[in-house]
Amino acid sequence: MGVLWGEVCVTRQKNNYKSFLEDNKLSFHNEDLIVTALTHPSYYQEKSAEANNQRLEFLGDAVLNLIVGEYIYKKFPDKAEGELTKIRARVVCESALVMVAKRLSLGNYIFLGRGEEMSGGRKRKSILADTVEAVIGALYLDQGLGSAEKFVLKYLEDEIFYTAQGDYYDYKSRLQEFVQAWDKENVYYDLLEEHGPAHSKTFTMAVYYKGKKLASGSGRTKKEAEQKAAEEALNNNDFVQNFINEQA
């Protein structure tokens, strides 16, 4: 069993990073950097790999904060320091990085030790978020700030604009908390329509409760449209009062 596991790990390390690059249309001059970025400390310890991704994670965190901080500073000249801090904190948080990791299918490519593999490490949020930061650090070292910025904004620009419009108030969470304070069944969202060219689509999402449409909203991303729909539902006094009366 030990020999088989070792063979699997060696094969994965040889092939996974190339698949990661191909599947996500990335390239590296020094491919050792991306191998290191994908190497979790557990793999490093078990397989005596040359390096793990902790140092790249440290660097990537700093680069990520710089990119997002500079971007929102230039993009939103009307926002005060406090608002900029809130936006940046929301955009570089673990949940946002996990979202990026899922879009990259990153969990499929990380090199994990056997213990982490068996305990579900490929889906662990902290591992996914840390690895995203390590990839950003690797891109920065390999190709400079411009390439790292292009990568970050490709996956987080929508989140930045969405958050800058007030998402740190998070209407979806508020609506969920309101409904679940009275009932275990939660609301859900569905796409009503989308239109516009591929690079500039507008989405309309509706929010439902027990099959009944509560409200709808539109935005440049599905997530933004869901927030607008949740906001509309919360601002609908008839819905709020009728819901309370039904649960009473």
C-alpha atoms as a PDB file:
ATOM      1  CA  MET A   1       0.000   0.000   0.000  1.00  0.00           C
ATOM      2  CA  GLY A   2       2.832   2.399   0.892  1.00  0.00           C
ATOM      3  CA  VAL A   3       4.577   1.781  -2.437  1.00  0.00           C
ATOM      4  CA  LEU A   4       1.334   2.283  -4.336  1.00  0.00           C
ATOM      5  CA  TRP A   5       0.638   5.543  -2.518  1.00  0.00           C
ATOM      6  CA  GLY A   6       4.138   6.753  -3.292  1.00  0.00           C
ATOM      7  CA  GLU A   7       3.730   5.941  -6.979  1.00  0.00           C
ATOM      8  CA  VAL A   8       0.418   7.824  -7.059  1.00  0.00           C
ATOM      9  CA  CYS A   9       2.015  10.884  -5.439  1.00  0.00           C
ATOM     10  CA  VAL A  10       4.970  10.956  -7.829  1.00  0.00           C
ATOM     11  CA  THR A  11       2.680  10.605 -10.848  1.00  0.00           C
ATOM     12  CA  ARG A  12       0.394  13.344  -9.527  1.00  0.00           C
ATOM     13  CA  GLN A  13       3.249  15.783  -9.005  1.00  0.00           C
ATOM     14  CA  LYS A  14       4.610  15.147 -12.499  1.00  0.00           C
ATOM     15  CA  ASN A  15       1.275  15.562 -14.252  1.00  0.00           C
ATOM     16  CA  ASN A  16      -1.036  17.690 -12.123  1.00  0.00           C
ATOM     17  CA  TYR A  17       0.726  21.002 -12.433  1.00  0.00           C
ATOM     18  CA  LYS A  18       0.772  20.719 -16.246  1.00  0.00           C
ATOM     19  CA  SER A  19      -2.943  19.943 -16.275  1.00  0.00           C
ATOM     20  CA  PHE A  20      -3.550  22.915 -13.973  1.00  0.00           C
ATOM     21  CA  LEU A  21      -1.709  25.234 -16.360  1.00  0.00           C
ATOM     22  CA  GLU A  22      -3.427  23.857 -19.470  1.00  0.00           C
ATOM     23  CA  ASP A  23      -6.914  23.825 -17.969  1.00  0.00           C
ATOM     24  CA  ASN A  24      -6.619  27.419 -16.741  1.00  0.00           C
ATOM     25  CA  LYS A  25      -4.674  28.775 -19.742  1.00  0.00           C
ATOM     26  CA  LEU A  26      -1.639  29.752 -17.679  1.00  0.00           C
ATOM     27  CA  SER A  27       2.048  29.477 -18.496  1.00  0.00           C
ATOM     28  CA  PHE A  28       5.230  29.771 -16.449  1.00  0.00           C
ATOM     29  CA  HIS A  29       8.809  30.437 -17.461  1.00  0.00           C
ATOM     30  CA  ASN A  30       9.992  28.641 -14.324  1.00  0.00           C
ATOM     31  CA  GLU A  31       7.582  25.766 -13.786  1.00  0.00           C
ATOM     32  CA  ASP A  32       9.251  24.878 -10.485  1.00  0.00           C
ATOM     33  CA  LEU A  33       7.423  27.894  -9.043  1.00  0.00           C
ATOM     34  CA  ILE A  34       3.962  26.558  -9.869  1.00  0.00           C
ATOM     35  CA  VAL A  35       4.937  23.102  -8.592  1.00  0.00           C
ATOM     36  CA  THR A  36       5.941  24.723  -5.294  1.00  0.00           C
ATOM     37  CA  ALA A  37       2.742  26.788  -5.212  1.00  0.00           C
ATOM     38  CA  LEU A  38       0.676  23.599  -5.463  1.00  0.00           C
ATOM     39  CA  THR A  39       2.689  21.701  -2.847  1.00  0.00           C
ATOM     40  CA  HIS A  40       0.998  21.594   0.557  1.00  0.00           C
ATOM     41  CA  PRO A  41       3.265  21.235   3.620  1.00  0.00           C
ATOM     42  CA  SER A  42       1.835  17.757   4.273  1.00  0.00           C
ATOM     43  CA  TYR A  43       3.154  16.522   0.907  1.00  0.00           C
ATOM     44  CA  TYR A  44       6.481  18.247   1.505  1.00  0.00           C
ATOM     45  CA  GLN A  45       6.878  16.463   4.845  1.00  0.00           C
ATOM     46  CA  GLU A  46       5.830  13.012   3.644  1.00  0.00           C
ATOM     47  CA  LYS A  47       7.576  12.977   0.270  1.00  0.00           C
ATOM     48  CA  SER A  48      10.649  15.114   1.003  1.00  0.00           C
ATOM     49  CA  ALA A  49       9.673  17.535  -1.755  1.00  0.00           C
ATOM     50  CA  GLU A  50      12.076  20.364  -2.499  1.00  0.00           C
ATOM     51  CA  ALA A  51       9.777  23.048  -1.073  1.00  0.00           C
ATOM     52  CA  ASN A  52       6.226  23.734   0.075  1.00  0.00           C
ATOM     53  CA  ASN A  53       3.945  26.659  -0.667  1.00  0.00           C
ATOM     54  CA  GLN A  54       4.049  28.505   2.678  1.00  0.00           C
ATOM     55  CA  ARG A  55       6.615  31.115   1.619  1.00  0.00           C
ATOM     56  CA  LEU A  56       4.797  31.714  -1.670  1.00  0.00           C
ATOM     57  CA  GLU A  57       1.539  32.026   0.261  1.00  0.00           C
ATOM     58  CA  PHE A  58       3.132  34.734   2.423  1.00  0.00           C
ATOM     59  CA  LEU A  59       4.301  36.631  -0.659  1.00  0.00           C
ATOM     60  CA  GLY A  60       1.030  36.126  -2.521  1.00  0.00           C
ATOM     61  CA  ASP A  61      -0.956  37.558   0.385  1.00  0.00           C
ATOM     62  CA  ALA A  62       1.108  40.769   0.236  1.00  0.00           C
ATOM     63  CA  VAL A  63       0.845  40.986  -3.572  1.00  0.00           C
ATOM     64  CA  LEU A  64      -2.918  40.371  -3.464  1.00  0.00           C
ATOM     65  CA  ASN A  65      -3.466  43.135  -0.914  1.00  0.00           C
ATOM     66  CA  LEU A  66      -1.331  45.531  -2.970  1.00  0.00           C
ATOM     67  CA  ILE A  67      -3.193  44.779  -6.213  1.00  0.00           C
ATOM     68  CA  VAL A  68      -6.653  45.087  -4.698  1.00  0.00           C
ATOM     69  CA  GLY A  69      -5.689  48.104  -2.595  1.00  0.00           C
ATOM     70  CA  GLU A  70      -4.231  50.025  -5.556  1.00  0.00           C
ATOM     71  CA  TYR A  71      -7.138  49.057  -7.803  1.00  0.00           C
ATOM     72  CA  ILE A  72      -9.881  50.256  -5.458  1.00  0.00           C
ATOM     73  CA  TYR A  73      -7.881  53.377  -4.553  1.00  0.00           C
ATOM     74  CA  LYS A  74      -7.809  54.415  -8.218  1.00  0.00           C
ATOM     75  CA  LYS A  75     -11.253  53.116  -9.165  1.00  0.00           C
ATOM     76  CA  PHE A  76     -13.235  54.698  -6.331  1.00  0.00           C
ATOM     77  CA  PRO A  77     -11.805  58.174  -5.644  1.00  0.00           C
ATOM     78  CA  ASP A  78     -15.005  59.177  -3.835  1.00  0.00           C
ATOM     79  CA  LYS A  79     -14.708  56.503  -1.131  1.00  0.00           C
ATOM     80  CA  ALA A  80     -13.090  57.269   2.205  1.00  0.00           C
ATOM     81  CA  GLU A  81     -10.304  55.200   3.770  1.00  0.00           C
ATOM     82  CA  GLY A  82     -12.729  53.306   5.989  1.00  0.00           C
ATOM     83  CA  GLU A  83     -14.852  52.179   3.056  1.00  0.00           C
ATOM     84  CA  LEU A  84     -11.788  51.184   1.049  1.00  0.00           C
ATOM     85  CA  THR A  85     -10.585  49.091   3.975  1.00  0.00           C
ATOM     86  CA  LYS A  86     -13.949  47.299   4.183  1.00  0.00           C
ATOM     87  CA  ILE A  87     -13.985  46.584   0.454  1.00  0.00           C
ATOM     88  CA  ARG A  88     -10.439  45.235   0.436  1.00  0.00           C
ATOM     89  CA  ALA A  89     -11.052  43.066   3.504  1.00  0.00           C
ATOM     90  CA  ARG A  90     -14.130  41.518   1.899  1.00  0.00           C
ATOM     91  CA  VAL A  91     -12.402  40.888  -1.442  1.00  0.00           C
ATOM     92  CA  VAL A  92      -9.252  39.251  -0.022  1.00  0.00           C
ATOM     93  CA  CYS A  93     -11.027  37.161   2.634  1.00  0.00           C
ATOM     94  CA  GLU A  94     -10.996  33.372   2.730  1.00  0.00           C
ATOM     95  CA  SER A  95     -14.479  32.954   1.230  1.00  0.00           C
ATOM     96  CA  ALA A  96     -13.597  35.077  -1.814  1.00  0.00           C
ATOM     97  CA  LEU A  97     -10.364  33.142  -2.357  1.00  0.00           C
ATOM     98  CA  VAL A  98     -12.217  29.836  -2.036  1.00  0.00           C
ATOM     99  CA  MET A  99     -14.537  31.070  -4.787  1.00  0.00           C
ATOM    100  CA  VAL A 100     -11.472  31.683  -6.975  1.00  0.00           C
ATOM    101  CA  ALA A 101     -10.124  28.232  -6.103  1.00  0.00           C
ATOM    102  CA  LYS A 102     -13.381  26.617  -7.188  1.00  0.00           C
ATOM    103  CA  ARG A 103     -13.337  28.448 -10.514  1.00  0.00           C
ATOM    104  CA  LEU A 104      -9.811  27.132 -11.037  1.00  0.00           C
ATOM    105  CA  SER A 105     -10.839  23.622  -9.860  1.00  0.00           C
ATOM    106  CA  LEU A 106      -7.759  24.035  -7.697  1.00  0.00           C
ATOM    107  CA  GLY A 107      -8.634  21.220  -5.328  1.00  0.00           C
ATOM    108  CA  ASN A 108      -7.961  18.730  -8.111  1.00  0.00           C
ATOM    109  CA  TYR A 109      -4.346  19.803  -8.503  1.00  0.00           C
ATOM    110  CA  ILE A 110      -2.917  20.365  -5.018  1.00  0.00           C
ATOM    111  CA  PHE A 111      -0.190  17.958  -3.900  1.00  0.00           C
ATOM    112  CA  LEU A 112      -1.298  16.646  -0.514  1.00  0.00           C
ATOM    113  CA  GLY A 113       0.152  14.189   1.952  1.00  0.00           C
ATOM    114  CA  ARG A 114      -1.755  11.011   2.580  1.00  0.00           C
ATOM    115  CA  GLY A 115      -3.286  12.191   5.848  1.00  0.00           C
ATOM    116  CA  GLU A 116      -4.649  15.392   4.312  1.00  0.00           C
ATOM    117  CA  GLU A 117      -5.840  13.474   1.268  1.00  0.00           C
ATOM    118  CA  MET A 118      -7.775  10.984   3.374  1.00  0.00           C
ATOM    119  CA  SER A 119      -9.308  13.676   5.609  1.00  0.00           C
ATOM    120  CA  GLY A 120     -10.785  15.712   2.748  1.00  0.00           C
ATOM    121  CA  GLY A 121      -8.042  18.294   2.388  1.00  0.00           C
ATOM    122  CA  ARG A 122      -8.916  18.977  -1.247  1.00  0.00           C
ATOM    123  CA  LYS A 123     -12.126  20.656  -0.093  1.00  0.00           C
ATOM    124  CA  ARG A 124     -10.728  22.355   3.021  1.00  0.00           C
ATOM    125  CA  LYS A 125     -11.304  26.090   2.722  1.00  0.00           C
ATOM    126  CA  SER A 126      -8.077  27.137   4.400  1.00  0.00           C
ATOM    127  CA  ILE A 127      -5.995  24.951   2.075  1.00  0.00           C
ATOM    128  CA  LEU A 128      -7.777  26.234  -1.030  1.00  0.00           C
ATOM    129  CA  ALA A 129      -7.445  29.899  -0.009  1.00  0.00           C
ATOM    130  CA  ASP A 130      -3.780  29.519   0.945  1.00  0.00           C
ATOM    131  CA  THR A 131      -3.001  27.829  -2.369  1.00  0.00           C
ATOM    132  CA  VAL A 132      -4.626  30.642  -4.341  1.00  0.00           C
ATOM    133  CA  GLU A 133      -2.319  33.082  -2.559  1.00  0.00           C
ATOM    134  CA  ALA A 134       0.658  30.841  -3.335  1.00  0.00           C
ATOM    135  CA  VAL A 135      -0.259  30.800  -7.042  1.00  0.00           C
ATOM    136  CA  ILE A 136      -0.440  34.613  -7.002  1.00  0.00           C
ATOM    137  CA  GLY A 137       2.991  34.729  -5.365  1.00  0.00           C
ATOM    138  CA  ALA A 138       4.389  32.352  -7.964  1.00  0.00           C
ATOM    139  CA  LEU A 139       2.988  34.422 -10.838  1.00  0.00           C
ATOM    140  CA  TYR A 140       4.502  37.566  -9.341  1.00  0.00           C
ATOM    141  CA  LEU A 141       7.965  36.012  -9.086  1.00  0.00           C
ATOM    142  CA  ASP A 142       7.766  34.428 -12.535  1.00  0.00           C
ATOM    143  CA  GLN A 143       6.279  37.249 -14.576  1.00  0.00           C
ATOM    144  CA  GLY A 144       6.028  40.364 -12.444  1.00  0.00           C
ATOM    145  CA  LEU A 145       3.251  42.455 -10.950  1.00  0.00           C
ATOM    146  CA  GLY A 146       1.417  42.972 -14.250  1.00  0.00           C
ATOM    147  CA  SER A 147       0.718  39.259 -14.761  1.00  0.00           C
ATOM    148  CA  ALA A 148      -0.255  38.798 -11.130  1.00  0.00           C
ATOM    149  CA  GLU A 149      -2.630  41.755 -11.421  1.00  0.00           C
ATOM    150  CA  LYS A 150      -4.203  40.364 -14.603  1.00  0.00           C
ATOM    151  CA  PHE A 151      -4.821  37.051 -12.849  1.00  0.00           C
ATOM    152  CA  VAL A 152      -6.262  38.630  -9.701  1.00  0.00           C
ATOM    153  CA  LEU A 153      -8.607  40.973 -11.546  1.00  0.00           C
ATOM    154  CA  LYS A 154      -9.786  38.215 -13.887  1.00  0.00           C
ATOM    155  CA  TYR A 155     -11.221  36.378 -10.906  1.00  0.00           C
ATOM    156  CA  LEU A 156     -11.940  39.165  -8.411  1.00  0.00           C
ATOM    157  CA  GLU A 157     -12.872  42.289 -10.387  1.00  0.00           C
ATOM    158  CA  ASP A 158     -16.585  41.441 -10.325  1.00  0.00           C
ATOM    159  CA  GLU A 159     -16.322  40.820  -6.595  1.00  0.00           C
ATOM    160  CA  ILE A 160     -14.668  44.224  -6.127  1.00  0.00           C
ATOM    161  CA  PHE A 161     -17.450  46.103  -7.931  1.00  0.00           C
ATOM    162  CA  TYR A 162     -20.116  44.024  -6.263  1.00  0.00           C
ATOM    163  CA  THR A 163     -18.648  44.741  -2.835  1.00  0.00           C
ATOM    164  CA  ALA A 164     -18.072  48.431  -3.610  1.00  0.00           C
ATOM    165  CA  GLN A 165     -21.804  48.825  -4.193  1.00  0.00           C
ATOM    166  CA  GLY A 166     -22.400  47.955  -0.563  1.00  0.00           C
ATOM    167  CA  ASP A 167     -22.123  44.170  -0.429  1.00  0.00           C
ATOM    168  CA  TYR A 168     -20.462  44.376   2.968  1.00  0.00           C
ATOM    169  CA  TYR A 169     -24.059  44.852   4.121  1.00  0.00           C
ATOM    170  CA  ASP A 170     -24.822  41.483   2.428  1.00  0.00           C
ATOM    171  CA  TYR A 171     -28.577  41.516   1.803  1.00  0.00           C
ATOM    172  CA  LYS A 172     -28.573  37.797   0.992  1.00  0.00           C
ATOM    173  CA  SER A 173     -27.313  36.934   4.464  1.00  0.00           C
ATOM    174  CA  ARG A 174     -29.764  39.337   6.072  1.00  0.00           C
ATOM    175  CA  LEU A 175     -32.691  37.799   4.163  1.00  0.00           C
ATOM    176  CA  GLN A 176     -31.549  34.296   5.064  1.00  0.00           C
ATOM    177  CA  GLU A 177     -31.210  35.241   8.741  1.00  0.00           C
ATOM    178  CA  PHE A 178     -34.670  36.845   8.699  1.00  0.00           C
ATOM    179  CA  VAL A 179     -36.372  33.799   7.152  1.00  0.00           C
ATOM    180  CA  GLN A 180     -34.529  31.189   9.209  1.00  0.00           C
ATOM    181  CA  ALA A 181     -35.284  32.999  12.436  1.00  0.00           C
ATOM    182  CA  TRP A 182     -38.873  31.878  11.825  1.00  0.00           C
ATOM    183  CA  ASP A 183     -38.594  28.803   9.638  1.00  0.00           C
ATOM    184  CA  LYS A 184     -35.945  26.179   8.835  1.00  0.00           C
ATOM    185  CA  GLU A 185     -36.667  26.335   5.103  1.00  0.00           C
ATOM    186  CA  ASN A 186     -34.448  28.830   3.316  1.00  0.00           C
ATOM    187  CA  VAL A 187     -34.968  31.046   0.279  1.00  0.00           C
ATOM    188  CA  TYR A 188     -33.380  30.113  -3.046  1.00  0.00           C
ATOM    189  CA  TYR A 189     -32.413  31.953  -6.238  1.00  0.00           C
ATOM    190  CA  ASP A 190     -32.943  31.219  -9.909  1.00  0.00           C
ATOM    191  CA  LEU A 191     -31.910  32.893 -13.151  1.00  0.00           C
ATOM    192  CA  LEU A 192     -34.773  34.628 -14.959  1.00  0.00           C
ATOM    193  CA  GLU A 193     -32.858  35.976 -17.927  1.00  0.00           C
ATOM    194  CA  GLU A 194     -29.522  37.166 -19.232  1.00  0.00           C
ATOM    195  CA  HIS A 195     -28.800  39.466 -22.133  1.00  0.00           C
ATOM    196  CA  GLY A 196     -26.001  41.438 -23.714  1.00  0.00           C
ATOM    197  CA  PRO A 197     -22.665  40.471 -25.297  1.00  0.00           C
ATOM    198  CA  ALA A 198     -20.428  37.929 -23.579  1.00  0.00           C
ATOM    199  CA  HIS A 199     -18.077  40.591 -22.182  1.00  0.00           C
ATOM    200  CA  SER A 200     -20.897  42.754 -20.797  1.00  0.00           C
ATOM    201  CA  LYS A 201     -23.859  40.622 -19.801  1.00  0.00           C
ATOM    202  CA  THR A 202     -26.725  41.669 -17.555  1.00  0.00           C
ATOM    203  CA  PHE A 203     -28.317  38.986 -15.378  1.00  0.00           C
ATOM    204  CA  THR A 204     -31.743  39.005 -13.752  1.00  0.00           C
ATOM    205  CA  MET A 205     -32.190  36.724 -10.751  1.00  0.00           C
ATOM    206  CA  ALA A 206     -35.306  36.012  -8.699  1.00  0.00           C
ATOM    207  CA  VAL A 207     -35.497  34.974  -5.062  1.00  0.00           C
ATOM    208  CA  TYR A 208     -38.100  32.413  -4.020  1.00  0.00           C
ATOM    209  CA  TYR A 209     -39.499  31.073  -0.770  1.00  0.00           C
ATOM    210  CA  LYS A 210     -41.452  27.785  -0.815  1.00  0.00           C
ATOM    211  CA  GLY A 211     -41.971  28.144  -4.564  1.00  0.00           C
ATOM    212  CA  LYS A 212     -43.246  31.735  -4.360  1.00  0.00           C
ATOM    213  CA  LYS A 213     -41.329  34.504  -6.060  1.00  0.00           C
ATOM    214  CA  LEU A 214     -40.504  37.255  -3.582  1.00  0.00           C
ATOM    215  CA  ALA A 215     -38.565  39.705  -5.748  1.00  0.00           C
ATOM    216  CA  SER A 216     -36.093  40.021  -8.613  1.00  0.00           C
ATOM    217  CA  GLY A 217     -33.010  42.077  -9.338  1.00  0.00           C
ATOM    218  CA  SER A 218     -30.506  42.698 -12.119  1.00  0.00           C
ATOM    219  CA  GLY A 219     -26.734  43.128 -12.175  1.00  0.00           C
ATOM    220  CA  ARG A 220     -23.540  42.613 -14.148  1.00  0.00           C
ATOM    221  CA  THR A 221     -22.956  39.300 -12.333  1.00  0.00           C
ATOM    222  CA  LYS A 222     -25.374  36.678 -11.019  1.00  0.00           C
ATOM    223  CA  LYS A 223     -24.154  37.354  -7.500  1.00  0.00           C
ATOM    224  CA  GLU A 224     -24.863  41.068  -7.797  1.00  0.00           C
ATOM    225  CA  ALA A 225     -28.334  40.322  -9.199  1.00  0.00           C
ATOM    226  CA  GLU A 226     -29.034  37.978  -6.264  1.00  0.00           C
ATOM    227  CA  GLN A 227     -28.060  40.735  -3.839  1.00  0.00           C
ATOM    228  CA  LYS A 228     -30.413  43.153  -5.573  1.00  0.00           C
ATOM    229  CA  ALA A 229     -33.235  40.606  -5.418  1.00  0.00           C
ATOM    230  CA  ALA A 230     -32.644  40.000  -1.706  1.00  0.00           C
ATOM    231  CA  GLU A 231     -32.568  43.754  -1.075  1.00  0.00           C
ATOM    232  CA  GLU A 232     -35.880  44.175  -2.909  1.00  0.00           C
ATOM    233  CA  ALA A 233     -37.443  41.400  -0.820  1.00  0.00           C
ATOM    234  CA  LEU A 234     -36.297  42.973   2.434  1.00  0.00           C
ATOM    235  CA  ASN A 235     -37.608  46.375   1.326  1.00  0.00           C
ATOM    236  CA  ASN A 236     -41.015  44.895   0.495  1.00  0.00           C
ATOM    237  CA  ASN A 237     -43.023  45.738   3.601  1.00  0.00           C
ATOM    238  CA  ASP A 238     -45.949  43.561   2.490  1.00  0.00           C
ATOM    239  CA  PHE A 239     -43.708  40.492   2.236  1.00  0.00           C
ATOM    240  CA  VAL A 240     -42.063  41.157   5.596  1.00  0.00           C
ATOM    241  CA  GLN A 241     -45.333  41.719   7.438  1.00  0.00           C
ATOM    242  CA  ASN A 242     -47.186  38.853   5.749  1.00  0.00           C
ATOM    243  CA  PHE A 243     -44.293  36.494   6.458  1.00  0.00           C
ATOM    244  CA  ILE A 244     -44.328  37.411  10.142  1.00  0.00           C
ATOM    245  CA  ASN A 245     -48.108  36.997  10.312  1.00  0.00           C
ATOM    246  CA  GLU A 246     -47.924  33.565   8.667  1.00  0.00           C
ATOM    247  CA  GLN A 247     -45.329  32.336  11.150  1.00  0.00           C
ATOM    248  CA  ALA A 248     -47.082  33.762  14.194  1.00  0.00           C
END
